[in-house]
Amino acid sequence: IENFIANSKPSFLYKSNLSGVDVGNATHKFMCYANFENISKYGVKKEIDFLYNRGFLNKSECNALCIPSLENFVNSNLFNRILNSEKVIREHRFLVKILPEFLNNDFNFKNVKETENKNFIVLQGAIDCAFLENDKYVLVDYKTDKISDISELFDKYNKQVELYKYALKISENIDVKETILYSFSLGESYSF
């Protein structure tokens, strides 16, 4: 009889009460507070320990983090671009007014300026990350959705990211040259 050694438990042995929302919230919280320079030197696990010991993450949030997915991000070109940026904005909260037609799927955001129209909607949100690169900003939205193809994120979140891009322009006078959706489940970026 041959001996076989498993490197990890089979997935059916794990009992998880974590929802997709729990994983997404923990991942976003980690990405908000993590020191990218420390991660590049000491690794993801050490940064998780550091954030836990300083009270930025609780035990449940630490357990919800998918370390291989975070390590894939650290090994990505996107991580290096953020790390090398002279200015990085994370979890930027905004509140702007928009025209109702902005929510139409076929609405074109090119050349739109802030309006004084009395019919408006208040849009509130948080931008995951924006970083300065060659005098213009790159807007990054992190996604933890379980998907099979990166283009699914574009189809699902294009309108949201266009609104966030508009919000950055109106609230901070920041021009965005590129928008990126990053999938933690695939370890891939979709740039537009």
C-alpha atoms as a PDB file:
ATOM      1  CA  ILE A   1       0.000   0.000   0.000  1.00  0.00           C
ATOM      2  CA  GLU A   2       1.370   3.376  -1.011  1.00  0.00           C
ATOM      3  CA  ASN A   3       1.228   6.322   1.374  1.00  0.00           C
ATOM      4  CA  PHE A   4      -0.263   9.565   0.125  1.00  0.00           C
ATOM      5  CA  ILE A   5       0.198  12.897   1.813  1.00  0.00           C
ATOM      6  CA  ALA A   6      -2.261  15.735   1.259  1.00  0.00           C
ATOM      7  CA  ASN A   7      -0.989  19.299   1.419  1.00  0.00           C
ATOM      8  CA  SER A   8      -4.368  20.639   2.519  1.00  0.00           C
ATOM      9  CA  LYS A   9      -7.827  19.542   3.545  1.00  0.00           C
ATOM     10  CA  PRO A  10     -10.286  18.797   0.740  1.00  0.00           C
ATOM     11  CA  SER A  11     -12.718  21.664   0.281  1.00  0.00           C
ATOM     12  CA  PHE A  12     -15.727  19.567   1.423  1.00  0.00           C
ATOM     13  CA  LEU A  13     -14.196  19.286   4.918  1.00  0.00           C
ATOM     14  CA  TYR A  14     -14.293  23.059   5.452  1.00  0.00           C
ATOM     15  CA  LYS A  15     -17.424  24.348   7.135  1.00  0.00           C
ATOM     16  CA  SER A  16     -17.767  28.023   6.413  1.00  0.00           C
ATOM     17  CA  ASN A  17     -20.475  30.320   7.691  1.00  0.00           C
ATOM     18  CA  LEU A  18     -18.978  33.206   5.752  1.00  0.00           C
ATOM     19  CA  SER A  19     -21.083  34.819   3.077  1.00  0.00           C
ATOM     20  CA  GLY A  20     -19.758  36.447  -0.069  1.00  0.00           C
ATOM     21  CA  VAL A  21     -20.474  39.775   1.593  1.00  0.00           C
ATOM     22  CA  ASP A  22     -18.273  38.796   4.588  1.00  0.00           C
ATOM     23  CA  VAL A  23     -15.390  37.894   2.267  1.00  0.00           C
ATOM     24  CA  GLY A  24     -15.856  41.070   0.224  1.00  0.00           C
ATOM     25  CA  ASN A  25     -15.990  43.319   3.281  1.00  0.00           C
ATOM     26  CA  ALA A  26     -12.909  41.704   4.843  1.00  0.00           C
ATOM     27  CA  THR A  27     -10.967  41.957   1.580  1.00  0.00           C
ATOM     28  CA  HIS A  28     -11.891  45.616   1.116  1.00  0.00           C
ATOM     29  CA  LYS A  29     -10.974  46.398   4.709  1.00  0.00           C
ATOM     30  CA  PHE A  30      -7.602  44.702   4.286  1.00  0.00           C
ATOM     31  CA  MET A  31      -6.975  46.619   1.047  1.00  0.00           C
ATOM     32  CA  CYS A  32      -7.878  49.872   2.796  1.00  0.00           C
ATOM     33  CA  TYR A  33      -5.496  49.497   5.741  1.00  0.00           C
ATOM     34  CA  ALA A  34      -2.672  47.338   4.355  1.00  0.00           C
ATOM     35  CA  ASN A  35       0.751  48.912   3.948  1.00  0.00           C
ATOM     36  CA  PHE A  36       1.782  47.891   0.428  1.00  0.00           C
ATOM     37  CA  GLU A  37       5.476  48.539   1.082  1.00  0.00           C
ATOM     38  CA  ASN A  38       5.397  46.198   4.082  1.00  0.00           C
ATOM     39  CA  ILE A  39       3.545  43.576   2.047  1.00  0.00           C
ATOM     40  CA  SER A  40       6.194  43.718  -0.674  1.00  0.00           C
ATOM     41  CA  LYS A  41       8.941  43.196   1.949  1.00  0.00           C
ATOM     42  CA  TYR A  42       7.339  40.807   4.452  1.00  0.00           C
ATOM     43  CA  GLY A  43       4.352  39.237   2.706  1.00  0.00           C
ATOM     44  CA  VAL A  44       0.589  39.124   3.045  1.00  0.00           C
ATOM     45  CA  LYS A  45       0.443  36.898   6.151  1.00  0.00           C
ATOM     46  CA  LYS A  46       2.672  39.244   8.171  1.00  0.00           C
ATOM     47  CA  GLU A  47       0.529  42.216   7.149  1.00  0.00           C
ATOM     48  CA  ILE A  48      -2.643  40.397   8.207  1.00  0.00           C
ATOM     49  CA  ASP A  49      -1.024  39.647  11.583  1.00  0.00           C
ATOM     50  CA  PHE A  50       0.054  43.287  11.913  1.00  0.00           C
ATOM     51  CA  LEU A  51      -3.450  44.600  11.131  1.00  0.00           C
ATOM     52  CA  TYR A  52      -5.012  42.091  13.536  1.00  0.00           C
ATOM     53  CA  ASN A  53      -2.600  42.982  16.372  1.00  0.00           C
ATOM     54  CA  ARG A  54      -3.280  46.707  15.861  1.00  0.00           C
ATOM     55  CA  GLY A  55      -7.078  46.224  15.861  1.00  0.00           C
ATOM     56  CA  PHE A  56      -7.692  47.063  12.194  1.00  0.00           C
ATOM     57  CA  LEU A  57      -9.014  43.555  11.479  1.00  0.00           C
ATOM     58  CA  ASN A  58     -10.840  41.206  13.834  1.00  0.00           C
ATOM     59  CA  LYS A  59     -10.425  37.420  13.928  1.00  0.00           C
ATOM     60  CA  SER A  60     -13.492  36.779  11.786  1.00  0.00           C
ATOM     61  CA  GLU A  61     -12.241  39.196   9.120  1.00  0.00           C
ATOM     62  CA  CYS A  62      -8.793  37.579   9.147  1.00  0.00           C
ATOM     63  CA  ASN A  63     -10.395  34.172   8.655  1.00  0.00           C
ATOM     64  CA  ALA A  64     -12.474  35.507   5.759  1.00  0.00           C
ATOM     65  CA  LEU A  65      -9.418  36.640   3.812  1.00  0.00           C
ATOM     66  CA  CYS A  66      -8.266  34.428   0.959  1.00  0.00           C
ATOM     67  CA  ILE A  67      -4.489  34.589   1.284  1.00  0.00           C
ATOM     68  CA  PRO A  68      -3.716  33.024  -2.145  1.00  0.00           C
ATOM     69  CA  SER A  69      -5.958  35.635  -3.823  1.00  0.00           C
ATOM     70  CA  LEU A  70      -4.221  38.453  -1.947  1.00  0.00           C
ATOM     71  CA  GLU A  71      -0.817  36.991  -2.871  1.00  0.00           C
ATOM     72  CA  ASN A  72      -1.871  36.878  -6.534  1.00  0.00           C
ATOM     73  CA  PHE A  73      -2.687  40.576  -6.287  1.00  0.00           C
ATOM     74  CA  VAL A  74       0.715  41.302  -4.725  1.00  0.00           C
ATOM     75  CA  ASN A  75       2.367  39.533  -7.660  1.00  0.00           C
ATOM     76  CA  SER A  76       0.360  41.514 -10.220  1.00  0.00           C
ATOM     77  CA  ASN A  77       1.439  44.388 -12.413  1.00  0.00           C
ATOM     78  CA  LEU A  78      -1.367  46.453 -10.855  1.00  0.00           C
ATOM     79  CA  PHE A  79       0.125  46.076  -7.362  1.00  0.00           C
ATOM     80  CA  ASN A  80       3.498  47.280  -8.651  1.00  0.00           C
ATOM     81  CA  ARG A  81       1.899  50.261 -10.378  1.00  0.00           C
ATOM     82  CA  ILE A  82       0.169  51.264  -7.128  1.00  0.00           C
ATOM     83  CA  LEU A  83       3.319  50.640  -5.095  1.00  0.00           C
ATOM     84  CA  ASN A  84       5.360  52.870  -7.423  1.00  0.00           C
ATOM     85  CA  SER A  85       2.846  55.709  -7.480  1.00  0.00           C
ATOM     86  CA  GLU A  86       3.719  59.003  -5.814  1.00  0.00           C
ATOM     87  CA  LYS A  87       0.131  59.443  -4.581  1.00  0.00           C
ATOM     88  CA  VAL A  88      -2.432  56.789  -3.676  1.00  0.00           C
ATOM     89  CA  ILE A  89      -5.990  57.451  -2.504  1.00  0.00           C
ATOM     90  CA  ARG A  90      -7.819  54.590  -0.770  1.00  0.00           C
ATOM     91  CA  GLU A  91     -11.424  54.338   0.413  1.00  0.00           C
ATOM     92  CA  HIS A  92     -12.232  57.870  -0.706  1.00  0.00           C
ATOM     93  CA  ARG A  93     -15.818  58.593   0.335  1.00  0.00           C
ATOM     94  CA  PHE A  94     -17.864  60.963  -1.790  1.00  0.00           C
ATOM     95  CA  LEU A  95     -21.297  62.550  -2.007  1.00  0.00           C
ATOM     96  CA  VAL A  96     -22.282  64.193  -5.305  1.00  0.00           C
ATOM     97  CA  LYS A  97     -25.448  65.096  -7.108  1.00  0.00           C
ATOM     98  CA  ILE A  98     -26.183  63.544 -10.481  1.00  0.00           C
ATOM     99  CA  LEU A  99     -28.898  63.858 -13.097  1.00  0.00           C
ATOM    100  CA  PRO A 100     -31.399  60.980 -13.153  1.00  0.00           C
ATOM    101  CA  GLU A 101     -30.425  60.196 -16.763  1.00  0.00           C
ATOM    102  CA  PHE A 102     -26.912  59.298 -15.558  1.00  0.00           C
ATOM    103  CA  LEU A 103     -28.422  56.003 -14.430  1.00  0.00           C
ATOM    104  CA  ASN A 104     -29.560  55.076 -17.955  1.00  0.00           C
ATOM    105  CA  ASN A 105     -27.426  52.266 -19.345  1.00  0.00           C
ATOM    106  CA  ASP A 106     -26.878  54.089 -22.643  1.00  0.00           C
ATOM    107  CA  PHE A 107     -25.904  57.430 -21.074  1.00  0.00           C
ATOM    108  CA  ASN A 108     -22.550  58.788 -22.309  1.00  0.00           C
ATOM    109  CA  PHE A 109     -20.471  60.483 -19.600  1.00  0.00           C
ATOM    110  CA  LYS A 110     -18.123  62.266 -22.000  1.00  0.00           C
ATOM    111  CA  ASN A 111     -18.097  66.057 -21.577  1.00  0.00           C
ATOM    112  CA  VAL A 112     -20.585  66.035 -18.690  1.00  0.00           C
ATOM    113  CA  LYS A 113     -20.265  68.892 -16.229  1.00  0.00           C
ATOM    114  CA  GLU A 114     -21.814  69.350 -12.803  1.00  0.00           C
ATOM    115  CA  THR A 115     -25.366  70.573 -13.128  1.00  0.00           C
ATOM    116  CA  GLU A 116     -27.513  73.012 -11.214  1.00  0.00           C
ATOM    117  CA  ASN A 117     -30.661  71.307 -12.486  1.00  0.00           C
ATOM    118  CA  LYS A 118     -33.275  71.033  -9.725  1.00  0.00           C
ATOM    119  CA  ASN A 119     -34.009  67.423 -10.598  1.00  0.00           C
ATOM    120  CA  PHE A 120     -31.090  65.437  -9.277  1.00  0.00           C
ATOM    121  CA  ILE A 121     -30.185  62.327  -7.325  1.00  0.00           C
ATOM    122  CA  VAL A 122     -27.604  62.225  -4.541  1.00  0.00           C
ATOM    123  CA  LEU A 123     -24.934  59.601  -5.148  1.00  0.00           C
ATOM    124  CA  GLN A 124     -22.885  58.377  -2.197  1.00  0.00           C
ATOM    125  CA  GLY A 125     -20.060  55.884  -2.423  1.00  0.00           C
ATOM    126  CA  ALA A 126     -16.461  54.985  -1.714  1.00  0.00           C
ATOM    127  CA  ILE A 127     -13.695  54.632  -4.251  1.00  0.00           C
ATOM    128  CA  ASP A 128     -11.493  51.634  -3.438  1.00  0.00           C
ATOM    129  CA  CYS A 129      -8.306  53.074  -4.897  1.00  0.00           C
ATOM    130  CA  ALA A 130      -7.037  55.791  -7.212  1.00  0.00           C
ATOM    131  CA  PHE A 131      -3.375  56.356  -7.896  1.00  0.00           C
ATOM    132  CA  LEU A 132      -1.365  58.966  -9.737  1.00  0.00           C
ATOM    133  CA  GLU A 133       0.572  57.766 -12.762  1.00  0.00           C
ATOM    134  CA  ASN A 134       2.195  60.133 -15.272  1.00  0.00           C
ATOM    135  CA  ASP A 135       0.224  63.153 -13.986  1.00  0.00           C
ATOM    136  CA  LYS A 136      -3.184  61.464 -14.329  1.00  0.00           C
ATOM    137  CA  TYR A 137      -5.119  59.121 -12.091  1.00  0.00           C
ATOM    138  CA  VAL A 138      -6.004  55.466 -12.463  1.00  0.00           C
ATOM    139  CA  LEU A 139      -9.239  54.412 -10.747  1.00  0.00           C
ATOM    140  CA  VAL A 140      -9.313  50.864  -9.317  1.00  0.00           C
ATOM    141  CA  ASP A 141     -12.364  48.990  -8.107  1.00  0.00           C
ATOM    142  CA  TYR A 142     -11.728  45.696  -6.302  1.00  0.00           C
ATOM    143  CA  LYS A 143     -14.216  42.860  -6.825  1.00  0.00           C
ATOM    144  CA  THR A 144     -14.531  39.559  -4.985  1.00  0.00           C
ATOM    145  CA  ASP A 145     -17.413  38.169  -7.085  1.00  0.00           C
ATOM    146  CA  LYS A 146     -17.082  34.523  -8.101  1.00  0.00           C
ATOM    147  CA  ILE A 147     -16.912  34.758 -11.891  1.00  0.00           C
ATOM    148  CA  SER A 148     -15.574  32.633 -14.737  1.00  0.00           C
ATOM    149  CA  ASP A 149     -14.542  35.435 -17.112  1.00  0.00           C
ATOM    150  CA  ILE A 150     -13.153  38.900 -16.337  1.00  0.00           C
ATOM    151  CA  SER A 151     -15.460  40.555 -18.893  1.00  0.00           C
ATOM    152  CA  GLU A 152     -18.402  39.655 -16.624  1.00  0.00           C
ATOM    153  CA  LEU A 153     -17.172  42.357 -14.223  1.00  0.00           C
ATOM    154  CA  PHE A 154     -17.233  44.994 -16.957  1.00  0.00           C
ATOM    155  CA  ASP A 155     -20.791  44.035 -17.926  1.00  0.00           C
ATOM    156  CA  LYS A 156     -21.922  44.163 -14.314  1.00  0.00           C
ATOM    157  CA  TYR A 157     -19.983  47.174 -12.965  1.00  0.00           C
ATOM    158  CA  ASN A 158     -19.221  49.488 -15.901  1.00  0.00           C
ATOM    159  CA  LYS A 159     -21.984  51.943 -14.954  1.00  0.00           C
ATOM    160  CA  GLN A 160     -20.884  52.025 -11.286  1.00  0.00           C
ATOM    161  CA  VAL A 161     -17.281  52.775 -12.194  1.00  0.00           C
ATOM    162  CA  GLU A 162     -18.307  55.483 -14.688  1.00  0.00           C
ATOM    163  CA  LEU A 163     -20.288  57.122 -11.876  1.00  0.00           C
ATOM    164  CA  TYR A 164     -17.281  56.867  -9.543  1.00  0.00           C
ATOM    165  CA  LYS A 165     -15.067  58.409 -12.210  1.00  0.00           C
ATOM    166  CA  TYR A 166     -17.541  61.286 -12.549  1.00  0.00           C
ATOM    167  CA  ALA A 167     -17.669  61.664  -8.752  1.00  0.00           C
ATOM    168  CA  LEU A 168     -13.875  61.987  -8.556  1.00  0.00           C
ATOM    169  CA  LYS A 169     -13.957  64.715 -11.193  1.00  0.00           C
ATOM    170  CA  ILE A 170     -16.740  66.676  -9.469  1.00  0.00           C
ATOM    171  CA  SER A 171     -15.687  66.217  -5.835  1.00  0.00           C
ATOM    172  CA  GLU A 172     -11.881  66.420  -6.165  1.00  0.00           C
ATOM    173  CA  ASN A 173     -11.270  67.777  -9.692  1.00  0.00           C
ATOM    174  CA  ILE A 174      -9.375  64.575 -10.507  1.00  0.00           C
ATOM    175  CA  ASP A 175      -9.118  63.455 -14.122  1.00  0.00           C
ATOM    176  CA  VAL A 176      -9.056  59.687 -14.584  1.00  0.00           C
ATOM    177  CA  LYS A 177      -7.058  58.338 -17.516  1.00  0.00           C
ATOM    178  CA  GLU A 178      -7.773  54.648 -16.903  1.00  0.00           C
ATOM    179  CA  THR A 179     -10.274  52.566 -15.002  1.00  0.00           C
ATOM    180  CA  ILE A 180      -9.466  49.071 -13.731  1.00  0.00           C
ATOM    181  CA  LEU A 181     -11.694  46.374 -12.298  1.00  0.00           C
ATOM    182  CA  TYR A 182      -9.594  43.863 -10.368  1.00  0.00           C
ATOM    183  CA  SER A 183     -11.012  40.376  -9.733  1.00  0.00           C
ATOM    184  CA  PHE A 184      -9.644  38.664  -6.633  1.00  0.00           C
ATOM    185  CA  SER A 185     -11.334  35.397  -7.605  1.00  0.00           C
ATOM    186  CA  LEU A 186      -9.554  35.290 -10.992  1.00  0.00           C
ATOM    187  CA  GLY A 187      -6.443  37.289 -10.123  1.00  0.00           C
ATOM    188  CA  GLU A 188      -6.993  39.401 -13.241  1.00  0.00           C
ATOM    189  CA  SER A 189      -7.596  43.024 -14.184  1.00  0.00           C
ATOM    190  CA  TYR A 190      -9.984  44.519 -16.719  1.00  0.00           C
ATOM    191  CA  SER A 191      -8.838  47.916 -17.919  1.00  0.00           C
ATOM    192  CA  PHE A 192     -10.894  50.486 -19.844  1.00  0.00           C
END
